[in-house]
C-alpha cells in the first residue's frame, strides 16, 4: 500500500513524483472504465482548469529538485518536461509581441544576413512547432485536430503566464473547480474573454503598418513574422467563435439509461441516436447518464430537461 495522495493542486503528478517513483514503484494503467468526468465546457472553465494545472506544476518545481536524486534519468526528464512545458505561455506571448517591439525600435534580435536569420529563428520556430505537434498528432491521429488544438491553445497562454508570475510572487488564488454544467458561451461573452488575443492581433497589425510606413530595420522579416502570428490567431479565434456559436445555440437534454450492463445501455442509446450527437457524461453502477445534443437546431432554442427511460 502506498498510502494517500500528496496534498497538491496536481495531486496525481505530485504523488507519483514524490511518493511512488522515489520508492522504485511502477505505475500501471487500468484500462477498465472506473469513473467518467466532464471536460471544461466553456472558455472560462477551460482557463480556470489550465491555470490550476500550470500553477500546481510550477509550485512542484522545488520539490522536484529535492527528489531529483531518487529518480531515474528518464523520470527526471519526464517530470522536468511536464513542469517547464507550461512556460510556453510566456514564450508565445514574447513571440506574438516581438514584431511590434521591433517596429517601434526595440530590438532583441540581431543578425548579419537573411541566411543567418533563417537558420536561427526559422529553424528554432520549426523545431518548436514539430516538437509540440508530433505528440498531439500521436494522440489525435488527425492533422485537423492537431492544428485546432495548437490554435485554441492561444486562449490559455495568459493563464500559464499568470500562474508563473503568481508562483514566483507567492500569490495564492482562490481554488476554482472546473464547471460540470453546460455553460452558454455567447458571442459577446466570448469576445470579452478573448480580448487579450484580440489585443495581440492588433499589435501585429500595427507592426505591419509601422513597417510599411517607416524604414524599420528588417521590415520584411517583421512583416513576415506578423503575418505568421496573425494566421495562428485567426485560426484560433475562428475555432473558438465557431464552437461558442454552436454551444450557445443548441438543443440539449439528458437521458438516463438503466440497464444490466454498459453494452445494453449503449444499444438502447443508439436506438435514440438518429440525428443526435451522443456523449456519455456519467456511468456508475447500472446507471448510464448521457448528454444528447440535437445538432440540427440552432437559433431560438433553449431547452434543458431530463427524460428517464427504464428498461422493461
C-alpha atoms as a PDB file:
ATOM      1  CA  UNK A   1       0.000   0.000   0.000  1.00  0.00           C
ATOM      2  CA  UNK A   2       1.308   3.441  -0.927  1.00  0.00           C
ATOM      3  CA  UNK A   3      -0.956   5.474   1.321  1.00  0.00           C
ATOM      4  CA  UNK A   4      -2.820   8.621   0.403  1.00  0.00           C
ATOM      5  CA  UNK A   5      -2.178  11.298  -2.165  1.00  0.00           C
ATOM      6  CA  UNK A   6       0.310  14.111  -1.694  1.00  0.00           C
ATOM      7  CA  UNK A   7      -1.573  17.330  -0.977  1.00  0.00           C
ATOM      8  CA  UNK A   8      -1.197  19.413  -4.116  1.00  0.00           C
ATOM      9  CA  UNK A   9      -3.258  21.065  -6.850  1.00  0.00           C
ATOM     10  CA  UNK A  10      -1.786  18.441  -9.179  1.00  0.00           C
ATOM     11  CA  UNK A  11      -2.033  15.585  -6.712  1.00  0.00           C
ATOM     12  CA  UNK A  12      -1.546  12.798  -9.259  1.00  0.00           C
ATOM     13  CA  UNK A  13       1.694  14.284 -10.593  1.00  0.00           C
ATOM     14  CA  UNK A  14       2.955  15.180  -7.116  1.00  0.00           C
ATOM     15  CA  UNK A  15       2.181  11.756  -5.664  1.00  0.00           C
ATOM     16  CA  UNK A  16       3.933   9.816  -8.406  1.00  0.00           C
ATOM     17  CA  UNK A  17       6.967  12.141  -8.321  1.00  0.00           C
ATOM     18  CA  UNK A  18       7.375  12.366  -4.538  1.00  0.00           C
ATOM     19  CA  UNK A  19       5.987   9.063  -3.357  1.00  0.00           C
ATOM     20  CA  UNK A  20       5.775   6.312  -5.959  1.00  0.00           C
ATOM     21  CA  UNK A  21       8.805   6.665  -8.210  1.00  0.00           C
ATOM     22  CA  UNK A  22      11.338   7.521  -5.446  1.00  0.00           C
ATOM     23  CA  UNK A  23      10.409   4.176  -3.832  1.00  0.00           C
ATOM     24  CA  UNK A  24      11.062   2.324  -7.069  1.00  0.00           C
ATOM     25  CA  UNK A  25       7.388   1.629  -7.660  1.00  0.00           C
ATOM     26  CA  UNK A  26       5.986   1.192 -11.148  1.00  0.00           C
ATOM     27  CA  UNK A  27       2.807   2.941 -12.256  1.00  0.00           C
ATOM     28  CA  UNK A  28       0.471   0.928 -14.461  1.00  0.00           C
ATOM     29  CA  UNK A  29      -2.665   1.753 -16.392  1.00  0.00           C
ATOM     30  CA  UNK A  30      -6.040   0.171 -15.716  1.00  0.00           C
ATOM     31  CA  UNK A  31      -7.997   0.160 -18.947  1.00  0.00           C
ATOM     32  CA  UNK A  32     -11.300  -0.572 -17.241  1.00  0.00           C
ATOM     33  CA  UNK A  33     -13.582   2.457 -17.036  1.00  0.00           C
ATOM     34  CA  UNK A  34     -13.744   3.328 -13.315  1.00  0.00           C
ATOM     35  CA  UNK A  35     -15.227   6.833 -13.485  1.00  0.00           C
ATOM     36  CA  UNK A  36     -16.268   9.403 -16.043  1.00  0.00           C
ATOM     37  CA  UNK A  37     -15.591  13.114 -15.824  1.00  0.00           C
ATOM     38  CA  UNK A  38     -16.518  16.188 -17.801  1.00  0.00           C
ATOM     39  CA  UNK A  39     -14.120  18.277 -19.807  1.00  0.00           C
ATOM     40  CA  UNK A  40     -14.415  22.080 -19.484  1.00  0.00           C
ATOM     41  CA  UNK A  41     -17.469  23.254 -21.394  1.00  0.00           C
ATOM     42  CA  UNK A  42     -16.620  26.946 -21.693  1.00  0.00           C
ATOM     43  CA  UNK A  43     -13.669  29.261 -22.208  1.00  0.00           C
ATOM     44  CA  UNK A  44     -13.917  30.377 -18.586  1.00  0.00           C
ATOM     45  CA  UNK A  45     -13.770  26.867 -17.146  1.00  0.00           C
ATOM     46  CA  UNK A  46     -11.022  25.840 -19.603  1.00  0.00           C
ATOM     47  CA  UNK A  47      -8.870  28.771 -18.481  1.00  0.00           C
ATOM     48  CA  UNK A  48      -9.558  28.058 -14.806  1.00  0.00           C
ATOM     49  CA  UNK A  49      -8.533  24.434 -15.281  1.00  0.00           C
ATOM     50  CA  UNK A  50      -5.329  25.275 -17.146  1.00  0.00           C
ATOM     51  CA  UNK A  51      -4.372  27.937 -14.587  1.00  0.00           C
ATOM     52  CA  UNK A  52      -4.852  25.394 -11.818  1.00  0.00           C
ATOM     53  CA  UNK A  53      -2.740  22.750 -13.535  1.00  0.00           C
ATOM     54  CA  UNK A  54       0.056  25.122 -14.562  1.00  0.00           C
ATOM     55  CA  UNK A  55       0.305  26.754 -11.125  1.00  0.00           C
ATOM     56  CA  UNK A  56       0.374  23.361  -9.482  1.00  0.00           C
ATOM     57  CA  UNK A  57       3.175  22.269 -11.808  1.00  0.00           C
ATOM     58  CA  UNK A  58       5.244  25.406 -11.139  1.00  0.00           C
ATOM     59  CA  UNK A  59       4.803  25.018  -7.380  1.00  0.00           C
ATOM     60  CA  UNK A  60       6.060  21.448  -7.706  1.00  0.00           C
ATOM     61  CA  UNK A  61       9.466  22.505  -9.078  1.00  0.00           C
ATOM     62  CA  UNK A  62      11.242  22.967  -5.678  1.00  0.00           C
ATOM     63  CA  UNK A  63      10.007  19.530  -4.635  1.00  0.00           C
ATOM     64  CA  UNK A  64      11.272  18.140  -7.936  1.00  0.00           C
ATOM     65  CA  UNK A  65      14.764  19.378  -7.041  1.00  0.00           C
ATOM     66  CA  UNK A  66      14.568  17.636  -3.652  1.00  0.00           C
ATOM     67  CA  UNK A  67      13.558  14.286  -5.155  1.00  0.00           C
ATOM     68  CA  UNK A  68      15.899  14.603  -8.168  1.00  0.00           C
ATOM     69  CA  UNK A  69      18.493  12.191  -6.764  1.00  0.00           C
ATOM     70  CA  UNK A  70      15.900   9.468  -6.128  1.00  0.00           C
ATOM     71  CA  UNK A  71      14.587   9.392  -9.704  1.00  0.00           C
ATOM     72  CA  UNK A  72      15.899   7.655 -12.796  1.00  0.00           C
ATOM     73  CA  UNK A  73      17.144   9.788 -15.688  1.00  0.00           C
ATOM     74  CA  UNK A  74      14.027   9.134 -17.753  1.00  0.00           C
ATOM     75  CA  UNK A  75      11.825  10.120 -14.789  1.00  0.00           C
ATOM     76  CA  UNK A  76      13.882  13.264 -14.206  1.00  0.00           C
ATOM     77  CA  UNK A  77      13.416  14.261 -17.823  1.00  0.00           C
ATOM     78  CA  UNK A  78       9.686  13.455 -17.877  1.00  0.00           C
ATOM     79  CA  UNK A  79       8.868  15.439 -14.736  1.00  0.00           C
ATOM     80  CA  UNK A  80      11.014  18.393 -15.768  1.00  0.00           C
ATOM     81  CA  UNK A  81       9.440  18.422 -19.232  1.00  0.00           C
ATOM     82  CA  UNK A  82       5.964  18.374 -17.668  1.00  0.00           C
ATOM     83  CA  UNK A  83       6.750  21.374 -15.465  1.00  0.00           C
ATOM     84  CA  UNK A  84       8.614  23.561 -17.958  1.00  0.00           C
ATOM     85  CA  UNK A  85       6.081  22.855 -20.723  1.00  0.00           C
ATOM     86  CA  UNK A  86       3.819  25.500 -19.187  1.00  0.00           C
ATOM     87  CA  UNK A  87       6.488  28.116 -19.954  1.00  0.00           C
ATOM     88  CA  UNK A  88       5.031  28.002 -23.453  1.00  0.00           C
ATOM     89  CA  UNK A  89       2.653  30.718 -22.222  1.00  0.00           C
ATOM     90  CA  UNK A  90       5.260  33.418 -21.701  1.00  0.00           C
ATOM     91  CA  UNK A  91       7.371  32.347 -24.711  1.00  0.00           C
ATOM     92  CA  UNK A  92       4.331  32.515 -27.000  1.00  0.00           C
ATOM     93  CA  UNK A  93       3.446  35.985 -25.738  1.00  0.00           C
ATOM     94  CA  UNK A  94       7.006  37.174 -26.448  1.00  0.00           C
ATOM     95  CA  UNK A  95       6.793  35.681 -29.919  1.00  0.00           C
ATOM     96  CA  UNK A  96       3.498  37.479 -30.565  1.00  0.00           C
ATOM     97  CA  UNK A  97       4.704  40.911 -29.398  1.00  0.00           C
ATOM     98  CA  UNK A  98       8.199  40.599 -30.896  1.00  0.00           C
ATOM     99  CA  UNK A  99       7.259  42.147 -34.305  1.00  0.00           C
ATOM    100  CA  UNK A 100       5.578  45.139 -32.671  1.00  0.00           C
ATOM    101  CA  UNK A 101       8.584  45.837 -30.444  1.00  0.00           C
ATOM    102  CA  UNK A 102      10.869  45.718 -33.474  1.00  0.00           C
ATOM    103  CA  UNK A 103       8.582  48.042 -35.420  1.00  0.00           C
ATOM    104  CA  UNK A 104       8.920  50.743 -32.726  1.00  0.00           C
ATOM    105  CA  UNK A 105      12.700  50.400 -32.464  1.00  0.00           C
ATOM    106  CA  UNK A 106      13.110  47.955 -29.576  1.00  0.00           C
ATOM    107  CA  UNK A 107      15.414  45.269 -30.984  1.00  0.00           C
ATOM    108  CA  UNK A 108      16.060  41.912 -29.369  1.00  0.00           C
ATOM    109  CA  UNK A 109      17.303  40.013 -32.383  1.00  0.00           C
ATOM    110  CA  UNK A 110      20.443  40.910 -34.291  1.00  0.00           C
ATOM    111  CA  UNK A 111      21.545  39.099 -37.427  1.00  0.00           C
ATOM    112  CA  UNK A 112      24.019  39.822 -40.211  1.00  0.00           C
ATOM    113  CA  UNK A 113      22.255  38.168 -43.110  1.00  0.00           C
ATOM    114  CA  UNK A 114      18.995  36.607 -44.181  1.00  0.00           C
ATOM    115  CA  UNK A 115      20.628  33.160 -44.140  1.00  0.00           C
ATOM    116  CA  UNK A 116      21.659  33.635 -40.508  1.00  0.00           C
ATOM    117  CA  UNK A 117      18.114  34.689 -39.636  1.00  0.00           C
ATOM    118  CA  UNK A 118      16.597  31.677 -41.406  1.00  0.00           C
ATOM    119  CA  UNK A 119      18.941  29.242 -39.676  1.00  0.00           C
ATOM    120  CA  UNK A 120      18.479  30.654 -36.168  1.00  0.00           C
ATOM    121  CA  UNK A 121      14.897  31.923 -35.983  1.00  0.00           C
ATOM    122  CA  UNK A 122      13.022  29.868 -38.552  1.00  0.00           C
ATOM    123  CA  UNK A 123      14.933  26.745 -37.523  1.00  0.00           C
ATOM    124  CA  UNK A 124      14.005  27.176 -33.867  1.00  0.00           C
ATOM    125  CA  UNK A 125      10.401  28.019 -34.771  1.00  0.00           C
ATOM    126  CA  UNK A 126      10.009  24.893 -36.899  1.00  0.00           C
ATOM    127  CA  UNK A 127      11.674  22.746 -34.230  1.00  0.00           C
ATOM    128  CA  UNK A 128       9.290  24.122 -31.598  1.00  0.00           C
ATOM    129  CA  UNK A 129       6.328  23.508 -33.890  1.00  0.00           C
ATOM    130  CA  UNK A 130       7.201  19.884 -34.598  1.00  0.00           C
ATOM    131  CA  UNK A 131       8.122  19.087 -31.006  1.00  0.00           C
ATOM    132  CA  UNK A 132       4.709  20.399 -29.964  1.00  0.00           C
ATOM    133  CA  UNK A 133       2.632  18.994 -32.823  1.00  0.00           C
ATOM    134  CA  UNK A 134       4.033  15.462 -33.077  1.00  0.00           C
ATOM    135  CA  UNK A 135       2.839  14.352 -29.580  1.00  0.00           C
ATOM    136  CA  UNK A 136      -0.556  15.913 -30.297  1.00  0.00           C
ATOM    137  CA  UNK A 137      -0.811  14.097 -33.611  1.00  0.00           C
ATOM    138  CA  UNK A 138       0.061  10.791 -31.938  1.00  0.00           C
ATOM    139  CA  UNK A 139      -2.910  11.308 -29.587  1.00  0.00           C
ATOM    140  CA  UNK A 140      -5.433  12.798 -32.035  1.00  0.00           C
ATOM    141  CA  UNK A 141      -4.312  10.952 -35.217  1.00  0.00           C
ATOM    142  CA  UNK A 142      -5.669  13.925 -37.135  1.00  0.00           C
ATOM    143  CA  UNK A 143      -3.883  16.889 -38.720  1.00  0.00           C
ATOM    144  CA  UNK A 144      -7.033  18.993 -38.388  1.00  0.00           C
ATOM    145  CA  UNK A 145      -7.445  18.284 -34.664  1.00  0.00           C
ATOM    146  CA  UNK A 146      -3.744  18.871 -34.078  1.00  0.00           C
ATOM    147  CA  UNK A 147      -3.841  22.268 -35.785  1.00  0.00           C
ATOM    148  CA  UNK A 148      -7.052  23.166 -33.939  1.00  0.00           C
ATOM    149  CA  UNK A 149      -5.523  22.258 -30.574  1.00  0.00           C
ATOM    150  CA  UNK A 150      -2.493  24.444 -31.299  1.00  0.00           C
ATOM    151  CA  UNK A 151      -4.637  27.363 -32.413  1.00  0.00           C
ATOM    152  CA  UNK A 152      -7.083  27.242 -29.498  1.00  0.00           C
ATOM    153  CA  UNK A 153      -4.110  26.954 -27.127  1.00  0.00           C
ATOM    154  CA  UNK A 154      -3.768  30.726 -27.545  1.00  0.00           C
ATOM    155  CA  UNK A 155      -6.701  31.059 -25.153  1.00  0.00           C
ATOM    156  CA  UNK A 156      -4.661  29.857 -22.180  1.00  0.00           C
ATOM    157  CA  UNK A 157      -1.234  31.447 -22.728  1.00  0.00           C
ATOM    158  CA  UNK A 158      -2.291  34.303 -20.463  1.00  0.00           C
ATOM    159  CA  UNK A 159      -3.229  31.843 -17.698  1.00  0.00           C
ATOM    160  CA  UNK A 160       0.097  29.996 -17.974  1.00  0.00           C
ATOM    161  CA  UNK A 161       1.937  33.306 -17.666  1.00  0.00           C
ATOM    162  CA  UNK A 162      -0.221  34.420 -14.735  1.00  0.00           C
ATOM    163  CA  UNK A 163       0.425  31.094 -12.991  1.00  0.00           C
ATOM    164  CA  UNK A 164       4.185  31.563 -13.399  1.00  0.00           C
ATOM    165  CA  UNK A 165       4.098  35.118 -12.009  1.00  0.00           C
ATOM    166  CA  UNK A 166       1.801  34.129  -9.127  1.00  0.00           C
ATOM    167  CA  UNK A 167       4.110  31.238  -8.221  1.00  0.00           C
ATOM    168  CA  UNK A 168       7.226  33.454  -8.228  1.00  0.00           C
ATOM    169  CA  UNK A 169       5.487  36.130  -6.120  1.00  0.00           C
ATOM    170  CA  UNK A 170       3.850  33.579  -3.819  1.00  0.00           C
ATOM    171  CA  UNK A 171       0.321  34.703  -4.657  1.00  0.00           C
ATOM    172  CA  UNK A 172      -2.395  32.207  -3.789  1.00  0.00           C
ATOM    173  CA  UNK A 173      -5.520  32.419  -5.908  1.00  0.00           C
ATOM    174  CA  UNK A 174      -8.923  31.099  -4.932  1.00  0.00           C
ATOM    175  CA  UNK A 175      -9.351  27.471  -5.962  1.00  0.00           C
ATOM    176  CA  UNK A 176     -11.849  27.034  -8.778  1.00  0.00           C
ATOM    177  CA  UNK A 177     -13.332  23.693  -9.729  1.00  0.00           C
ATOM    178  CA  UNK A 178     -13.921  23.043 -13.425  1.00  0.00           C
ATOM    179  CA  UNK A 179     -17.561  23.660 -14.329  1.00  0.00           C
ATOM    180  CA  UNK A 180     -19.613  20.481 -14.668  1.00  0.00           C
ATOM    181  CA  UNK A 181     -22.522  22.142 -16.435  1.00  0.00           C
ATOM    182  CA  UNK A 182     -23.088  23.326 -19.954  1.00  0.00           C
ATOM    183  CA  UNK A 183     -22.076  26.973 -19.922  1.00  0.00           C
ATOM    184  CA  UNK A 184     -23.548  29.067 -22.731  1.00  0.00           C
ATOM    185  CA  UNK A 185     -20.625  30.880 -24.341  1.00  0.00           C
ATOM    186  CA  UNK A 186     -22.413  33.564 -26.305  1.00  0.00           C
ATOM    187  CA  UNK A 187     -20.512  35.551 -28.892  1.00  0.00           C
ATOM    188  CA  UNK A 188     -20.323  38.789 -26.865  1.00  0.00           C
ATOM    189  CA  UNK A 189     -19.118  36.976 -23.780  1.00  0.00           C
ATOM    190  CA  UNK A 190     -16.560  35.148 -25.915  1.00  0.00           C
ATOM    191  CA  UNK A 191     -15.244  38.444 -27.297  1.00  0.00           C
ATOM    192  CA  UNK A 192     -14.760  39.766 -23.765  1.00  0.00           C
ATOM    193  CA  UNK A 193     -12.888  36.647 -22.675  1.00  0.00           C
ATOM    194  CA  UNK A 194     -10.635  36.613 -25.731  1.00  0.00           C
ATOM    195  CA  UNK A 195      -9.806  40.322 -25.630  1.00  0.00           C
ATOM    196  CA  UNK A 196      -6.163  39.589 -24.801  1.00  0.00           C
ATOM    197  CA  UNK A 197      -5.835  37.568 -28.017  1.00  0.00           C
ATOM    198  CA  UNK A 198      -7.516  40.357 -29.995  1.00  0.00           C
ATOM    199  CA  UNK A 199      -5.089  42.852 -28.458  1.00  0.00           C
ATOM    200  CA  UNK A 200      -2.139  40.726 -29.599  1.00  0.00           C
ATOM    201  CA  UNK A 201      -3.669  40.606 -33.083  1.00  0.00           C
ATOM    202  CA  UNK A 202      -3.929  44.400 -33.086  1.00  0.00           C
ATOM    203  CA  UNK A 203      -0.248  44.735 -32.108  1.00  0.00           C
ATOM    204  CA  UNK A 204       0.766  42.546 -35.047  1.00  0.00           C
ATOM    205  CA  UNK A 205      -1.396  44.588 -37.430  1.00  0.00           C
ATOM    206  CA  UNK A 206       0.248  47.776 -36.135  1.00  0.00           C
ATOM    207  CA  UNK A 207       3.668  46.166 -36.629  1.00  0.00           C
ATOM    208  CA  UNK A 208       2.841  45.623 -40.309  1.00  0.00           C
ATOM    209  CA  UNK A 209       1.570  49.204 -40.720  1.00  0.00           C
ATOM    210  CA  UNK A 210       4.601  50.759 -38.982  1.00  0.00           C
ATOM    211  CA  UNK A 211       6.977  48.598 -41.030  1.00  0.00           C
ATOM    212  CA  UNK A 212       5.362  49.731 -44.282  1.00  0.00           C
ATOM    213  CA  UNK A 213       5.232  53.428 -43.341  1.00  0.00           C
ATOM    214  CA  UNK A 214       8.606  53.804 -41.635  1.00  0.00           C
ATOM    215  CA  UNK A 215      12.013  52.473 -42.577  1.00  0.00           C
ATOM    216  CA  UNK A 216      12.061  49.775 -39.911  1.00  0.00           C
ATOM    217  CA  UNK A 217      15.154  47.622 -39.688  1.00  0.00           C
ATOM    218  CA  UNK A 218      14.432  44.224 -41.220  1.00  0.00           C
ATOM    219  CA  UNK A 219      10.951  45.333 -42.245  1.00  0.00           C
ATOM    220  CA  UNK A 220      10.191  42.275 -44.387  1.00  0.00           C
ATOM    221  CA  UNK A 221      11.139  39.927 -41.575  1.00  0.00           C
ATOM    222  CA  UNK A 222       8.920  41.891 -39.172  1.00  0.00           C
ATOM    223  CA  UNK A 223       6.038  41.801 -41.669  1.00  0.00           C
ATOM    224  CA  UNK A 224       6.515  38.088 -42.296  1.00  0.00           C
ATOM    225  CA  UNK A 225       6.616  37.303 -38.579  1.00  0.00           C
ATOM    226  CA  UNK A 226       3.473  39.393 -38.013  1.00  0.00           C
ATOM    227  CA  UNK A 227       1.609  37.581 -40.793  1.00  0.00           C
ATOM    228  CA  UNK A 228       2.687  34.231 -39.322  1.00  0.00           C
ATOM    229  CA  UNK A 229       1.353  35.304 -35.902  1.00  0.00           C
ATOM    230  CA  UNK A 230      -1.894  36.592 -37.381  1.00  0.00           C
ATOM    231  CA  UNK A 231      -2.546  33.329 -39.227  1.00  0.00           C
ATOM    232  CA  UNK A 232      -2.366  31.406 -35.940  1.00  0.00           C
ATOM    233  CA  UNK A 233      -4.500  33.996 -34.164  1.00  0.00           C
ATOM    234  CA  UNK A 234      -7.137  33.918 -36.914  1.00  0.00           C
ATOM    235  CA  UNK A 235      -7.217  30.111 -36.806  1.00  0.00           C
ATOM    236  CA  UNK A 236      -7.598  30.136 -33.021  1.00  0.00           C
ATOM    237  CA  UNK A 237     -10.256  32.843 -32.932  1.00  0.00           C
ATOM    238  CA  UNK A 238     -12.232  31.164 -35.720  1.00  0.00           C
ATOM    239  CA  UNK A 239     -12.215  27.860 -33.869  1.00  0.00           C
ATOM    240  CA  UNK A 240     -13.209  29.482 -30.565  1.00  0.00           C
ATOM    241  CA  UNK A 241     -16.011  31.581 -32.023  1.00  0.00           C
ATOM    242  CA  UNK A 242     -17.323  28.691 -34.091  1.00  0.00           C
ATOM    243  CA  UNK A 243     -17.598  26.499 -31.001  1.00  0.00           C
ATOM    244  CA  UNK A 244     -19.102  29.377 -28.998  1.00  0.00           C
ATOM    245  CA  UNK A 245     -21.834  29.856 -31.611  1.00  0.00           C
ATOM    246  CA  UNK A 246     -22.683  26.176 -31.630  1.00  0.00           C
ATOM    247  CA  UNK A 247     -22.624  25.843 -27.838  1.00  0.00           C
ATOM    248  CA  UNK A 248     -24.693  28.977 -27.385  1.00  0.00           C
ATOM    249  CA  UNK A 249     -27.458  27.866 -29.732  1.00  0.00           C
ATOM    250  CA  UNK A 250     -28.028  24.178 -29.330  1.00  0.00           C
ATOM    251  CA  UNK A 251     -30.848  21.961 -28.174  1.00  0.00           C
ATOM    252  CA  UNK A 252     -29.742  19.721 -25.353  1.00  0.00           C
ATOM    253  CA  UNK A 253     -31.335  17.290 -22.972  1.00  0.00           C
ATOM    254  CA  UNK A 254     -30.143  14.407 -20.869  1.00  0.00           C
ATOM    255  CA  UNK A 255     -31.320  10.824 -20.828  1.00  0.00           C
ATOM    256  CA  UNK A 256     -30.651   8.327 -18.086  1.00  0.00           C
ATOM    257  CA  UNK A 257     -30.491   4.699 -19.128  1.00  0.00           C
ATOM    258  CA  UNK A 258     -30.952   1.831 -16.749  1.00  0.00           C
ATOM    259  CA  UNK A 259     -29.563  -1.491 -17.969  1.00  0.00           C
ATOM    260  CA  UNK A 260     -27.844  -4.579 -16.669  1.00  0.00           C
ATOM    261  CA  UNK A 261     -24.570  -3.627 -18.354  1.00  0.00           C
ATOM    262  CA  UNK A 262     -22.981  -0.859 -20.389  1.00  0.00           C
ATOM    263  CA  UNK A 263     -23.370  -2.666 -23.721  1.00  0.00           C
ATOM    264  CA  UNK A 264     -27.078  -2.984 -23.139  1.00  0.00           C
ATOM    265  CA  UNK A 265     -27.354   0.684 -22.244  1.00  0.00           C
ATOM    266  CA  UNK A 266     -25.289   1.627 -25.288  1.00  0.00           C
ATOM    267  CA  UNK A 267     -27.543  -0.418 -27.565  1.00  0.00           C
ATOM    268  CA  UNK A 268     -30.578   1.324 -26.090  1.00  0.00           C
ATOM    269  CA  UNK A 269     -28.786   4.626 -26.534  1.00  0.00           C
ATOM    270  CA  UNK A 270     -28.181   4.077 -30.236  1.00  0.00           C
ATOM    271  CA  UNK A 271     -31.873   3.374 -30.700  1.00  0.00           C
ATOM    272  CA  UNK A 272     -32.499   7.039 -29.901  1.00  0.00           C
ATOM    273  CA  UNK A 273     -29.366   8.400 -31.559  1.00  0.00           C
ATOM    274  CA  UNK A 274     -30.743   9.252 -35.014  1.00  0.00           C
ATOM    275  CA  UNK A 275     -29.931  12.883 -35.759  1.00  0.00           C
ATOM    276  CA  UNK A 276     -28.196  13.438 -32.462  1.00  0.00           C
ATOM    277  CA  UNK A 277     -24.675  13.711 -31.120  1.00  0.00           C
ATOM    278  CA  UNK A 278     -24.399  11.470 -28.066  1.00  0.00           C
ATOM    279  CA  UNK A 279     -21.877  11.669 -25.249  1.00  0.00           C
ATOM    280  CA  UNK A 280     -21.635   9.679 -22.012  1.00  0.00           C
ATOM    281  CA  UNK A 281     -21.314  12.047 -19.064  1.00  0.00           C
ATOM    282  CA  UNK A 282     -21.768   9.724 -16.108  1.00  0.00           C
ATOM    283  CA  UNK A 283     -21.602   5.961 -15.639  1.00  0.00           C
ATOM    284  CA  UNK A 284     -21.971   4.493 -12.187  1.00  0.00           C
ATOM    285  CA  UNK A 285     -23.260   1.048 -11.342  1.00  0.00           C
ATOM    286  CA  UNK A 286     -26.033   0.171 -13.763  1.00  0.00           C
ATOM    287  CA  UNK A 287     -26.981   3.802 -14.348  1.00  0.00           C
ATOM    288  CA  UNK A 288     -25.801   5.424 -17.562  1.00  0.00           C
ATOM    289  CA  UNK A 289     -26.371   9.131 -17.950  1.00  0.00           C
ATOM    290  CA  UNK A 290     -25.882  10.539 -21.428  1.00  0.00           C
ATOM    291  CA  UNK A 291     -25.939  14.001 -22.935  1.00  0.00           C
ATOM    292  CA  UNK A 292     -27.912  14.202 -26.163  1.00  0.00           C
ATOM    293  CA  UNK A 293     -27.350  17.224 -28.371  1.00  0.00           C
ATOM    294  CA  UNK A 294     -29.555  17.949 -31.348  1.00  0.00           C
ATOM    295  CA  UNK A 295     -27.199  19.463 -33.909  1.00  0.00           C
ATOM    296  CA  UNK A 296     -29.998  20.268 -36.340  1.00  0.00           C
ATOM    297  CA  UNK A 297     -31.396  23.138 -34.266  1.00  0.00           C
ATOM    298  CA  UNK A 298     -29.514  26.403 -33.994  1.00  0.00           C
ATOM    299  CA  UNK A 299     -31.493  29.560 -33.263  1.00  0.00           C
ATOM    300  CA  UNK A 300     -34.184  30.370 -30.709  1.00  0.00           C
ATOM    301  CA  UNK A 301     -33.799  27.080 -28.867  1.00  0.00           C
ATOM    302  CA  UNK A 302     -33.120  26.974 -25.166  1.00  0.00           C
ATOM    303  CA  UNK A 303     -34.360  23.729 -23.682  1.00  0.00           C
ATOM    304  CA  UNK A 304     -32.863  21.633 -20.925  1.00  0.00           C
ATOM    305  CA  UNK A 305     -34.632  18.669 -19.459  1.00  0.00           C
ATOM    306  CA  UNK A 306     -34.267  15.106 -18.277  1.00  0.00           C
ATOM    307  CA  UNK A 307     -36.029  12.092 -19.757  1.00  0.00           C
ATOM    308  CA  UNK A 308     -35.868   8.772 -17.931  1.00  0.00           C
ATOM    309  CA  UNK A 309     -36.020   5.579 -19.944  1.00  0.00           C
ATOM    310  CA  UNK A 310     -36.418   2.428 -17.917  1.00  0.00           C
ATOM    311  CA  UNK A 311     -35.788  -0.980 -19.382  1.00  0.00           C
ATOM    312  CA  UNK A 312     -38.752  -3.352 -19.303  1.00  0.00           C
END
